[in-house]
Amino acid sequence: MMQLGMLTACLPQWSLDRIARWAKQAGYEALEVAVWPGTGGRDFEAAHLPVADFGPRQVEETLALFDEHGLALSAFAYYENNLHPDPVRREEIRTHLRHAIDAAQALGVPYVGTFVGRDWTKPVADNLAEAERIFPELVDYAGERDVKIIVENCVMEGWHPDGYPGNLAYSPELWEWMFGLGLYLNWDPSHLTWIGIDPVETIAPYIDRIVHAQAKDVELDPVARNRYGFFGKADKGGDPWDMGWWRFRVPGLGQVDWRRVVDRLYEHGFTGTLSVEHEDPVWSGDDERITHGLDFAHRTLRPLIAG
């Protein structure tokens, strides 16, 4: 049956043990664990397991931690640009992704999440061809270890100098392409909503590839959109993520219809984890506000999930 989890990236300063204790007390059933090599590259990334140096002792301690708190480890999260234009940076990302896959195998974690990404110096067609060159090896590497690579459908517009999509996995058209490469989907309705796609209508056609899902909401401001247009602010004031007419919220404080989302996931047989991804600017800034946001998300979603 579906279980309710949370992504640990919103609490980068907490240890995994502290997060697990809090999550269990708050009623969560699973953790999607952030496994960046460090923090500071951007907001909402964390290094909660040292996957680059993951030996038998770390395996034993991690399994004991999750067993102690009765939590599942639903996936690893390492959302970086696998098509980065700098070849040195791209190789660093590839190497760390392989480390995450190795650690997932050791712990029996079924999924490792990342982005397709984009080389923003080249057109889309060239990027698709490059992805077709590099991803089969990664998919094979993961498959040999009984791990699936899952891709979140985040637009990542802040990665592109002009605010265009920086992760070529944002639409069903692109999903169908990436499924052909052996990739799976970490489905997030918030991104679909702001780009004008009804997220509920994307569940049935792709349920066989939606193996993990993220619960993040989005609040739209049509009045501001009338000024900036769909593509958002031209002058972002130094913040590439400030679109000006929408913002992420915790589930229940935006436009996503969670009753329809969860009902449709059940209808079509989803049995994975629905993982709260907290990027709500209202409920951020300190531990108390972040955990309040996670509590609010839990209160919104828990009544909708059987069991």
C-alpha atoms as a PDB file:
ATOM      1  CA  MET A   1       0.000   0.000   0.000  1.00  0.00           C
ATOM      2  CA  MET A   2       0.986   3.616  -0.455  1.00  0.00           C
ATOM      3  CA  GLN A   3       3.017   5.117   2.380  1.00  0.00           C
ATOM      4  CA  LEU A   4       3.584   8.723   3.391  1.00  0.00           C
ATOM      5  CA  GLY A   5       7.183   9.864   3.545  1.00  0.00           C
ATOM      6  CA  MET A   6       9.276  13.027   3.488  1.00  0.00           C
ATOM      7  CA  LEU A   7      12.416  14.220   1.727  1.00  0.00           C
ATOM      8  CA  THR A   8      15.141  15.080   4.232  1.00  0.00           C
ATOM      9  CA  ALA A   9      16.670  17.944   2.207  1.00  0.00           C
ATOM     10  CA  CYS A  10      14.652  20.652   3.979  1.00  0.00           C
ATOM     11  CA  LEU A  11      16.618  19.996   7.197  1.00  0.00           C
ATOM     12  CA  PRO A  12      20.244  20.100   6.016  1.00  0.00           C
ATOM     13  CA  GLN A  13      21.697  20.904   9.441  1.00  0.00           C
ATOM     14  CA  TRP A  14      20.025  17.972  11.187  1.00  0.00           C
ATOM     15  CA  SER A  15      21.585  14.529  11.432  1.00  0.00           C
ATOM     16  CA  LEU A  16      19.745  11.631   9.838  1.00  0.00           C
ATOM     17  CA  ASP A  17      19.169  10.183  13.304  1.00  0.00           C
ATOM     18  CA  ARG A  18      17.487  13.394  14.471  1.00  0.00           C
ATOM     19  CA  ILE A  19      15.327  13.534  11.348  1.00  0.00           C
ATOM     20  CA  ALA A  20      14.300   9.893  11.746  1.00  0.00           C
ATOM     21  CA  ARG A  21      13.296  10.428  15.379  1.00  0.00           C
ATOM     22  CA  TRP A  22      11.272  13.510  14.506  1.00  0.00           C
ATOM     23  CA  ALA A  23       9.661  11.932  11.418  1.00  0.00           C
ATOM     24  CA  LYS A  24       8.498   8.867  13.334  1.00  0.00           C
ATOM     25  CA  GLN A  25       7.001  11.015  16.091  1.00  0.00           C
ATOM     26  CA  ALA A  26       5.277  13.181  13.460  1.00  0.00           C
ATOM     27  CA  GLY A  27       3.670  10.148  11.850  1.00  0.00           C
ATOM     28  CA  TYR A  28       5.738   9.736   8.705  1.00  0.00           C
ATOM     29  CA  GLU A  29       6.433   6.221   7.472  1.00  0.00           C
ATOM     30  CA  ALA A  30       9.411   6.661   5.139  1.00  0.00           C
ATOM     31  CA  LEU A  31      12.357   8.922   4.366  1.00  0.00           C
ATOM     32  CA  GLU A  32      13.631   9.952   0.961  1.00  0.00           C
ATOM     33  CA  VAL A  33      17.212  10.634   2.005  1.00  0.00           C
ATOM     34  CA  ALA A  34      19.246  13.499   0.519  1.00  0.00           C
ATOM     35  CA  VAL A  35      22.745  12.296  -0.417  1.00  0.00           C
ATOM     36  CA  TRP A  36      24.536  15.286  -1.924  1.00  0.00           C
ATOM     37  CA  PRO A  37      28.282  15.213  -1.158  1.00  0.00           C
ATOM     38  CA  GLY A  38      27.875  18.511   0.733  1.00  0.00           C
ATOM     39  CA  THR A  39      25.676  21.570   0.980  1.00  0.00           C
ATOM     40  CA  GLY A  40      25.936  25.093  -0.337  1.00  0.00           C
ATOM     41  CA  GLY A  41      25.362  24.590  -4.057  1.00  0.00           C
ATOM     42  CA  ARG A  42      21.744  25.740  -3.779  1.00  0.00           C
ATOM     43  CA  ASP A  43      18.855  25.652  -1.348  1.00  0.00           C
ATOM     44  CA  PHE A  44      17.157  22.376  -0.444  1.00  0.00           C
ATOM     45  CA  GLU A  45      20.072  20.010  -0.716  1.00  0.00           C
ATOM     46  CA  ALA A  46      21.651  18.033   2.114  1.00  0.00           C
ATOM     47  CA  ALA A  47      24.286  15.405   2.847  1.00  0.00           C
ATOM     48  CA  HIS A  48      22.540  12.957   5.174  1.00  0.00           C
ATOM     49  CA  LEU A  49      24.492   9.829   4.222  1.00  0.00           C
ATOM     50  CA  PRO A  50      28.148   9.661   3.115  1.00  0.00           C
ATOM     51  CA  VAL A  51      27.494   7.550   0.034  1.00  0.00           C
ATOM     52  CA  ALA A  52      30.944   8.265  -1.432  1.00  0.00           C
ATOM     53  CA  ASP A  53      32.535   6.480   1.527  1.00  0.00           C
ATOM     54  CA  PHE A  54      29.961   3.873   2.436  1.00  0.00           C
ATOM     55  CA  GLY A  55      31.421   0.758   3.989  1.00  0.00           C
ATOM     56  CA  PRO A  56      30.029  -2.149   6.029  1.00  0.00           C
ATOM     57  CA  ARG A  57      29.917  -0.089   9.237  1.00  0.00           C
ATOM     58  CA  GLN A  58      27.791   2.625   7.618  1.00  0.00           C
ATOM     59  CA  VAL A  59      25.491  -0.015   6.154  1.00  0.00           C
ATOM     60  CA  GLU A  60      24.986  -1.658   9.547  1.00  0.00           C
ATOM     61  CA  GLU A  61      24.420   1.648  11.347  1.00  0.00           C
ATOM     62  CA  THR A  62      21.962   2.928   8.743  1.00  0.00           C
ATOM     63  CA  LEU A  63      19.919  -0.267   8.696  1.00  0.00           C
ATOM     64  CA  ALA A  64      19.822  -0.253  12.505  1.00  0.00           C
ATOM     65  CA  LEU A  65      18.677   3.385  12.548  1.00  0.00           C
ATOM     66  CA  PHE A  66      15.744   2.757  10.224  1.00  0.00           C
ATOM     67  CA  ASP A  67      14.844  -0.456  12.037  1.00  0.00           C
ATOM     68  CA  GLU A  68      14.891   1.341  15.407  1.00  0.00           C
ATOM     69  CA  HIS A  69      12.402   3.944  14.212  1.00  0.00           C
ATOM     70  CA  GLY A  70      10.288   1.635  12.075  1.00  0.00           C
ATOM     71  CA  LEU A  71      10.837   3.719   8.948  1.00  0.00           C
ATOM     72  CA  ALA A  72      11.346   2.717   5.329  1.00  0.00           C
ATOM     73  CA  LEU A  73      14.123   4.216   3.228  1.00  0.00           C
ATOM     74  CA  SER A  74      12.149   4.924   0.063  1.00  0.00           C
ATOM     75  CA  ALA A  75      14.823   6.481  -2.177  1.00  0.00           C
ATOM     76  CA  PHE A  76      18.032   8.458  -2.335  1.00  0.00           C
ATOM     77  CA  ALA A  77      17.867  12.038  -3.622  1.00  0.00           C
ATOM     78  CA  TYR A  78      20.722  13.520  -5.625  1.00  0.00           C
ATOM     79  CA  TYR A  79      19.144  15.993  -8.010  1.00  0.00           C
ATOM     80  CA  GLU A  80      21.912  17.395 -10.175  1.00  0.00           C
ATOM     81  CA  ASN A  81      22.524  18.273 -13.817  1.00  0.00           C
ATOM     82  CA  ASN A  82      23.752  15.171 -15.636  1.00  0.00           C
ATOM     83  CA  LEU A  83      24.180  17.219 -18.839  1.00  0.00           C
ATOM     84  CA  HIS A  84      26.201  20.002 -17.246  1.00  0.00           C
ATOM     85  CA  PRO A  85      28.194  21.929 -19.877  1.00  0.00           C
ATOM     86  CA  ASP A  86      31.413  21.822 -17.834  1.00  0.00           C
ATOM     87  CA  PRO A  87      32.888  18.349 -18.463  1.00  0.00           C
ATOM     88  CA  VAL A  88      34.708  18.328 -15.119  1.00  0.00           C
ATOM     89  CA  ARG A  89      31.537  19.153 -13.195  1.00  0.00           C
ATOM     90  CA  ARG A  90      29.567  16.640 -15.237  1.00  0.00           C
ATOM     91  CA  GLU A  91      32.029  13.898 -14.368  1.00  0.00           C
ATOM     92  CA  GLU A  92      31.835  14.806 -10.670  1.00  0.00           C
ATOM     93  CA  ILE A  93      28.055  14.447 -10.822  1.00  0.00           C
ATOM     94  CA  ARG A  94      28.281  11.138 -12.687  1.00  0.00           C
ATOM     95  CA  THR A  95      30.763   9.746 -10.177  1.00  0.00           C
ATOM     96  CA  HIS A  96      28.661  10.732  -7.185  1.00  0.00           C
ATOM     97  CA  LEU A  97      25.530   9.302  -8.787  1.00  0.00           C
ATOM     98  CA  ARG A  98      27.335   5.979  -9.137  1.00  0.00           C
ATOM     99  CA  HIS A  99      28.329   6.180  -5.453  1.00  0.00           C
ATOM    100  CA  ALA A 100      24.677   6.728  -4.561  1.00  0.00           C
ATOM    101  CA  ILE A 101      23.699   3.690  -6.625  1.00  0.00           C
ATOM    102  CA  ASP A 102      26.339   1.565  -4.885  1.00  0.00           C
ATOM    103  CA  ALA A 103      25.096   2.646  -1.457  1.00  0.00           C
ATOM    104  CA  ALA A 104      21.502   2.009  -2.506  1.00  0.00           C
ATOM    105  CA  GLN A 105      22.432  -1.538  -3.466  1.00  0.00           C
ATOM    106  CA  ALA A 106      24.124  -2.088  -0.105  1.00  0.00           C
ATOM    107  CA  LEU A 107      21.034  -0.897   1.786  1.00  0.00           C
ATOM    108  CA  GLY A 108      18.405  -2.437  -0.474  1.00  0.00           C
ATOM    109  CA  VAL A 109      17.105   0.990  -1.521  1.00  0.00           C
ATOM    110  CA  PRO A 110      15.174   0.549  -4.788  1.00  0.00           C
ATOM    111  CA  TYR A 111      15.496   4.057  -6.262  1.00  0.00           C
ATOM    112  CA  VAL A 112      18.066   6.805  -6.745  1.00  0.00           C
ATOM    113  CA  GLY A 113      16.669  10.147  -7.869  1.00  0.00           C
ATOM    114  CA  THR A 114      18.381  12.665 -10.138  1.00  0.00           C
ATOM    115  CA  PHE A 115      17.669  15.053 -13.033  1.00  0.00           C
ATOM    116  CA  VAL A 116      18.275  14.598 -16.735  1.00  0.00           C
ATOM    117  CA  GLY A 117      19.455  18.207 -16.716  1.00  0.00           C
ATOM    118  CA  ARG A 118      20.519  20.291 -19.693  1.00  0.00           C
ATOM    119  CA  ASP A 119      23.553  21.883 -21.308  1.00  0.00           C
ATOM    120  CA  TRP A 120      22.143  25.404 -21.555  1.00  0.00           C
ATOM    121  CA  THR A 121      24.680  26.366 -24.225  1.00  0.00           C
ATOM    122  CA  LYS A 122      23.099  23.954 -26.732  1.00  0.00           C
ATOM    123  CA  PRO A 123      19.630  23.501 -28.244  1.00  0.00           C
ATOM    124  CA  VAL A 124      17.191  20.907 -26.975  1.00  0.00           C
ATOM    125  CA  ALA A 125      17.784  18.481 -29.859  1.00  0.00           C
ATOM    126  CA  ASP A 126      21.515  18.327 -29.102  1.00  0.00           C
ATOM    127  CA  ASN A 127      20.790  17.736 -25.417  1.00  0.00           C
ATOM    128  CA  LEU A 128      18.434  14.856 -26.155  1.00  0.00           C
ATOM    129  CA  ALA A 129      21.082  13.239 -28.329  1.00  0.00           C
ATOM    130  CA  GLU A 130      23.697  13.679 -25.597  1.00  0.00           C
ATOM    131  CA  ALA A 131      21.397  12.183 -22.974  1.00  0.00           C
ATOM    132  CA  GLU A 132      20.848   9.204 -25.255  1.00  0.00           C
ATOM    133  CA  ARG A 133      24.614   8.771 -25.261  1.00  0.00           C
ATOM    134  CA  ILE A 134      25.288   8.998 -21.522  1.00  0.00           C
ATOM    135  CA  PHE A 135      22.242   7.592 -19.729  1.00  0.00           C
ATOM    136  CA  PRO A 136      22.202   3.984 -20.988  1.00  0.00           C
ATOM    137  CA  GLU A 137      25.486   3.291 -19.189  1.00  0.00           C
ATOM    138  CA  LEU A 138      24.117   4.733 -15.952  1.00  0.00           C
ATOM    139  CA  VAL A 139      20.851   2.829 -16.297  1.00  0.00           C
ATOM    140  CA  ASP A 140      22.766  -0.403 -16.894  1.00  0.00           C
ATOM    141  CA  TYR A 141      25.043   0.294 -13.930  1.00  0.00           C
ATOM    142  CA  ALA A 142      22.002   0.772 -11.705  1.00  0.00           C
ATOM    143  CA  GLY A 143      20.119  -2.219 -13.129  1.00  0.00           C
ATOM    144  CA  GLU A 144      23.044  -4.537 -12.440  1.00  0.00           C
ATOM    145  CA  ARG A 145      22.629  -3.513  -8.782  1.00  0.00           C
ATOM    146  CA  ASP A 146      18.809  -3.889  -8.699  1.00  0.00           C
ATOM    147  CA  VAL A 147      18.368  -0.113  -8.513  1.00  0.00           C
ATOM    148  CA  LYS A 148      16.193   2.097 -10.713  1.00  0.00           C
ATOM    149  CA  ILE A 149      17.124   5.682 -11.585  1.00  0.00           C
ATOM    150  CA  ILE A 150      14.147   7.980 -11.057  1.00  0.00           C
ATOM    151  CA  VAL A 151      13.909  11.490 -12.485  1.00  0.00           C
ATOM    152  CA  GLU A 152      11.856  14.292 -10.974  1.00  0.00           C
ATOM    153  CA  ASN A 153       9.868  16.343 -13.486  1.00  0.00           C
ATOM    154  CA  CYS A 154      11.114  19.657 -12.074  1.00  0.00           C
ATOM    155  CA  VAL A 155      11.534  22.362 -14.737  1.00  0.00           C
ATOM    156  CA  MET A 156      14.704  23.765 -13.099  1.00  0.00           C
ATOM    157  CA  GLU A 157      14.271  27.067 -14.915  1.00  0.00           C
ATOM    158  CA  GLY A 158      16.825  28.704 -12.617  1.00  0.00           C
ATOM    159  CA  TRP A 159      19.593  26.666 -14.231  1.00  0.00           C
ATOM    160  CA  HIS A 160      19.079  28.342 -17.606  1.00  0.00           C
ATOM    161  CA  PRO A 161      20.449  31.900 -17.992  1.00  0.00           C
ATOM    162  CA  ASP A 162      17.176  32.995 -19.627  1.00  0.00           C
ATOM    163  CA  GLY A 163      14.824  31.047 -17.366  1.00  0.00           C
ATOM    164  CA  TYR A 164      13.975  28.302 -19.851  1.00  0.00           C
ATOM    165  CA  PRO A 165      13.719  24.637 -18.771  1.00  0.00           C
ATOM    166  CA  GLY A 166      16.982  23.378 -17.309  1.00  0.00           C
ATOM    167  CA  ASN A 167      15.843  19.768 -16.809  1.00  0.00           C
ATOM    168  CA  LEU A 168      14.574  18.013 -19.921  1.00  0.00           C
ATOM    169  CA  ALA A 169      12.031  15.890 -18.090  1.00  0.00           C
ATOM    170  CA  TYR A 170       9.283  18.410 -17.415  1.00  0.00           C
ATOM    171  CA  SER A 171       6.491  17.183 -19.731  1.00  0.00           C
ATOM    172  CA  PRO A 172       4.816  13.907 -20.687  1.00  0.00           C
ATOM    173  CA  GLU A 173       6.324  14.239 -24.164  1.00  0.00           C
ATOM    174  CA  LEU A 174       9.791  14.164 -22.602  1.00  0.00           C
ATOM    175  CA  TRP A 175       8.822  11.436 -20.148  1.00  0.00           C
ATOM    176  CA  GLU A 176       8.003   9.132 -23.046  1.00  0.00           C
ATOM    177  CA  TRP A 177      11.441   9.872 -24.495  1.00  0.00           C
ATOM    178  CA  MET A 178      13.307   9.249 -21.236  1.00  0.00           C
ATOM    179  CA  PHE A 179      11.362   6.056 -20.491  1.00  0.00           C
ATOM    180  CA  GLY A 180      12.915   4.746 -23.683  1.00  0.00           C
ATOM    181  CA  LEU A 181      16.303   5.211 -22.009  1.00  0.00           C
ATOM    182  CA  GLY A 182      15.255   3.042 -19.051  1.00  0.00           C
ATOM    183  CA  LEU A 183      14.550   5.900 -16.631  1.00  0.00           C
ATOM    184  CA  TYR A 184      11.592   6.061 -14.244  1.00  0.00           C
ATOM    185  CA  LEU A 185       9.627   8.979 -12.805  1.00  0.00           C
ATOM    186  CA  ASN A 186       9.603  10.620  -9.387  1.00  0.00           C
ATOM    187  CA  TRP A 187       6.289  12.331 -10.159  1.00  0.00           C
ATOM    188  CA  ASP A 188       5.687  15.805  -8.698  1.00  0.00           C
ATOM    189  CA  PRO A 189       2.364  17.565  -9.428  1.00  0.00           C
ATOM    190  CA  SER A 190       3.538  21.054  -8.446  1.00  0.00           C
ATOM    191  CA  HIS A 191       5.725  21.523 -11.526  1.00  0.00           C
ATOM    192  CA  LEU A 192       3.027  20.286 -13.867  1.00  0.00           C
ATOM    193  CA  THR A 193       0.514  22.696 -12.378  1.00  0.00           C
ATOM    194  CA  TRP A 194       2.431  25.913 -13.039  1.00  0.00           C
ATOM    195  CA  ILE A 195       3.316  24.966 -16.614  1.00  0.00           C
ATOM    196  CA  GLY A 196      -0.366  24.408 -17.391  1.00  0.00           C
ATOM    197  CA  ILE A 197      -0.631  20.607 -17.283  1.00  0.00           C
ATOM    198  CA  ASP A 198      -3.348  18.968 -15.167  1.00  0.00           C
ATOM    199  CA  PRO A 199      -1.294  16.624 -12.982  1.00  0.00           C
ATOM    200  CA  VAL A 200      -4.192  14.261 -12.332  1.00  0.00           C
ATOM    201  CA  GLU A 201      -4.522  13.556 -16.046  1.00  0.00           C
ATOM    202  CA  THR A 202      -0.875  12.427 -16.241  1.00  0.00           C
ATOM    203  CA  ILE A 203      -1.253   9.604 -13.714  1.00  0.00           C
ATOM    204  CA  ALA A 204      -3.179   6.935 -15.635  1.00  0.00           C
ATOM    205  CA  PRO A 205      -1.101   7.026 -18.859  1.00  0.00           C
ATOM    206  CA  TYR A 206       2.238   6.736 -17.035  1.00  0.00           C
ATOM    207  CA  ILE A 207       1.449   4.817 -13.850  1.00  0.00           C
ATOM    208  CA  ASP A 208       3.739   1.952 -14.837  1.00  0.00           C
ATOM    209  CA  ARG A 209       6.685   4.380 -14.661  1.00  0.00           C
ATOM    210  CA  ILE A 210       5.570   6.407 -11.630  1.00  0.00           C
ATOM    211  CA  VAL A 211       7.379   4.377  -8.982  1.00  0.00           C
ATOM    212  CA  HIS A 212       7.847   7.195  -6.444  1.00  0.00           C
ATOM    213  CA  ALA A 213       6.005  10.491  -6.015  1.00  0.00           C
ATOM    214  CA  GLN A 214       6.735  13.809  -4.329  1.00  0.00           C
ATOM    215  CA  ALA A 215       4.104  15.833  -2.502  1.00  0.00           C
ATOM    216  CA  LYS A 216       4.760  19.502  -3.138  1.00  0.00           C
ATOM    217  CA  ASP A 217       2.132  22.168  -3.734  1.00  0.00           C
ATOM    218  CA  VAL A 218       2.244  25.395  -5.747  1.00  0.00           C
ATOM    219  CA  GLU A 219       0.458  28.725  -5.284  1.00  0.00           C
ATOM    220  CA  LEU A 220      -0.314  30.654  -8.456  1.00  0.00           C
ATOM    221  CA  ASP A 221      -0.876  34.413  -8.721  1.00  0.00           C
ATOM    222  CA  PRO A 222      -2.782  35.135 -11.979  1.00  0.00           C
ATOM    223  CA  VAL A 223      -2.671  38.900 -11.381  1.00  0.00           C
ATOM    224  CA  ALA A 224       1.139  38.871 -11.298  1.00  0.00           C
ATOM    225  CA  ARG A 225       1.191  36.573 -14.332  1.00  0.00           C
ATOM    226  CA  ASN A 226      -0.758  39.226 -16.229  1.00  0.00           C
ATOM    227  CA  ARG A 227       2.253  41.507 -15.732  1.00  0.00           C
ATOM    228  CA  TYR A 228       5.182  39.129 -16.162  1.00  0.00           C
ATOM    229  CA  GLY A 229       3.750  36.524 -18.503  1.00  0.00           C
ATOM    230  CA  PHE A 230       4.179  32.774 -18.274  1.00  0.00           C
ATOM    231  CA  PHE A 231       7.985  32.971 -18.444  1.00  0.00           C
ATOM    232  CA  GLY A 232       8.124  35.143 -15.322  1.00  0.00           C
ATOM    233  CA  LYS A 233      10.178  38.175 -14.458  1.00  0.00           C
ATOM    234  CA  ALA A 234      12.732  39.440 -16.937  1.00  0.00           C
ATOM    235  CA  ASP A 235      14.617  41.134 -14.101  1.00  0.00           C
ATOM    236  CA  LYS A 236      14.868  38.599 -11.297  1.00  0.00           C
ATOM    237  CA  GLY A 237      17.018  40.839  -9.110  1.00  0.00           C
ATOM    238  CA  GLY A 238      19.811  38.289  -8.840  1.00  0.00           C
ATOM    239  CA  ASP A 239      17.542  35.382  -7.843  1.00  0.00           C
ATOM    240  CA  PRO A 240      17.203  33.041 -10.848  1.00  0.00           C
ATOM    241  CA  TRP A 241      14.334  31.188  -9.158  1.00  0.00           C
ATOM    242  CA  ASP A 242      12.083  34.239  -8.686  1.00  0.00           C
ATOM    243  CA  MET A 243       9.446  33.834 -11.387  1.00  0.00           C
ATOM    244  CA  GLY A 244       7.235  36.464  -9.779  1.00  0.00           C
ATOM    245  CA  TRP A 245       3.849  34.786 -10.259  1.00  0.00           C
ATOM    246  CA  TRP A 246       4.043  31.437  -8.454  1.00  0.00           C
ATOM    247  CA  ARG A 247       5.768  29.864  -5.457  1.00  0.00           C
ATOM    248  CA  PHE A 248       6.021  26.419  -3.922  1.00  0.00           C
ATOM    249  CA  ARG A 249       3.898  25.587  -0.865  1.00  0.00           C
ATOM    250  CA  VAL A 250       3.477  22.591   1.416  1.00  0.00           C
ATOM    251  CA  PRO A 251       0.527  20.354   0.468  1.00  0.00           C
ATOM    252  CA  GLY A 252      -2.790  21.989   1.273  1.00  0.00           C
ATOM    253  CA  LEU A 253      -1.677  25.608   0.794  1.00  0.00           C
ATOM    254  CA  GLY A 254      -1.660  25.742  -2.993  1.00  0.00           C
ATOM    255  CA  GLN A 255      -3.670  24.786  -6.054  1.00  0.00           C
ATOM    256  CA  VAL A 256      -2.960  21.040  -6.240  1.00  0.00           C
ATOM    257  CA  ASP A 257      -6.088  18.951  -5.570  1.00  0.00           C
ATOM    258  CA  TRP A 258      -4.632  16.333  -3.249  1.00  0.00           C
ATOM    259  CA  ARG A 259      -7.887  14.386  -2.896  1.00  0.00           C
ATOM    260  CA  ARG A 260      -7.965  13.831  -6.658  1.00  0.00           C
ATOM    261  CA  VAL A 261      -4.229  13.121  -6.808  1.00  0.00           C
ATOM    262  CA  VAL A 262      -4.221  10.460  -4.098  1.00  0.00           C
ATOM    263  CA  ASP A 263      -7.484   8.933  -5.281  1.00  0.00           C
ATOM    264  CA  ARG A 264      -6.181   8.613  -8.852  1.00  0.00           C
ATOM    265  CA  LEU A 265      -2.886   7.117  -7.644  1.00  0.00           C
ATOM    266  CA  TYR A 266      -4.850   4.483  -5.731  1.00  0.00           C
ATOM    267  CA  GLU A 267      -7.207   3.878  -8.653  1.00  0.00           C
ATOM    268  CA  HIS A 268      -4.316   2.969 -10.913  1.00  0.00           C
ATOM    269  CA  GLY A 269      -2.411   0.813  -8.449  1.00  0.00           C
ATOM    270  CA  PHE A 270       0.357   3.045  -7.108  1.00  0.00           C
ATOM    271  CA  THR A 271       1.945   1.304  -4.113  1.00  0.00           C
ATOM    272  CA  GLY A 272       5.036   3.453  -3.649  1.00  0.00           C
ATOM    273  CA  THR A 273       5.884   6.352  -1.374  1.00  0.00           C
ATOM    274  CA  LEU A 274       4.287   9.775  -1.531  1.00  0.00           C
ATOM    275  CA  SER A 275       7.160  11.886  -0.200  1.00  0.00           C
ATOM    276  CA  VAL A 276       6.637  15.427   1.094  1.00  0.00           C
ATOM    277  CA  GLU A 277       9.142  17.816  -0.474  1.00  0.00           C
ATOM    278  CA  HIS A 278       9.133  20.967   1.639  1.00  0.00           C
ATOM    279  CA  GLU A 279      10.275  24.064  -0.297  1.00  0.00           C
ATOM    280  CA  ASP A 280       7.631  26.433   1.076  1.00  0.00           C
ATOM    281  CA  PRO A 281       9.167  29.921   1.612  1.00  0.00           C
ATOM    282  CA  VAL A 282       6.493  30.847   4.166  1.00  0.00           C
ATOM    283  CA  TRP A 283       7.336  27.899   6.396  1.00  0.00           C
ATOM    284  CA  SER A 284      11.120  28.120   6.100  1.00  0.00           C
ATOM    285  CA  GLY A 285      13.893  29.999   7.843  1.00  0.00           C
ATOM    286  CA  ASP A 286      14.286  28.064  11.089  1.00  0.00           C
ATOM    287  CA  ASP A 287      13.701  24.585  12.449  1.00  0.00           C
ATOM    288  CA  GLU A 288      10.394  25.436  14.092  1.00  0.00           C
ATOM    289  CA  ARG A 289       8.866  26.833  10.925  1.00  0.00           C
ATOM    290  CA  ILE A 290      10.188  24.001   8.766  1.00  0.00           C
ATOM    291  CA  THR A 291       8.806  21.305  11.060  1.00  0.00           C
ATOM    292  CA  HIS A 292       5.492  23.167  11.308  1.00  0.00           C
ATOM    293  CA  GLY A 293       5.302  23.033   7.506  1.00  0.00           C
ATOM    294  CA  LEU A 294       6.001  19.304   7.572  1.00  0.00           C
ATOM    295  CA  ASP A 295       3.334  18.838  10.232  1.00  0.00           C
ATOM    296  CA  PHE A 296       0.833  20.760   8.119  1.00  0.00           C
ATOM    297  CA  ALA A 297       1.670  18.599   5.090  1.00  0.00           C
ATOM    298  CA  HIS A 298       1.170  15.471   7.183  1.00  0.00           C
ATOM    299  CA  ARG A 299      -2.217  16.665   8.449  1.00  0.00           C
ATOM    300  CA  THR A 300      -3.277  17.382   4.867  1.00  0.00           C
ATOM    301  CA  LEU A 301      -2.208  14.074   3.380  1.00  0.00           C
ATOM    302  CA  ARG A 302      -2.537  11.501   6.154  1.00  0.00           C
ATOM    303  CA  PRO A 303      -6.371  11.347   6.068  1.00  0.00           C
ATOM    304  CA  LEU A 304      -6.222  10.575   2.350  1.00  0.00           C
ATOM    305  CA  ILE A 305      -3.909   7.561   2.643  1.00  0.00           C
ATOM    306  CA  ALA A 306      -5.311   4.202   3.646  1.00  0.00           C
ATOM    307  CA  GLY A 307      -3.878   2.330   6.613  1.00  0.00           C
END
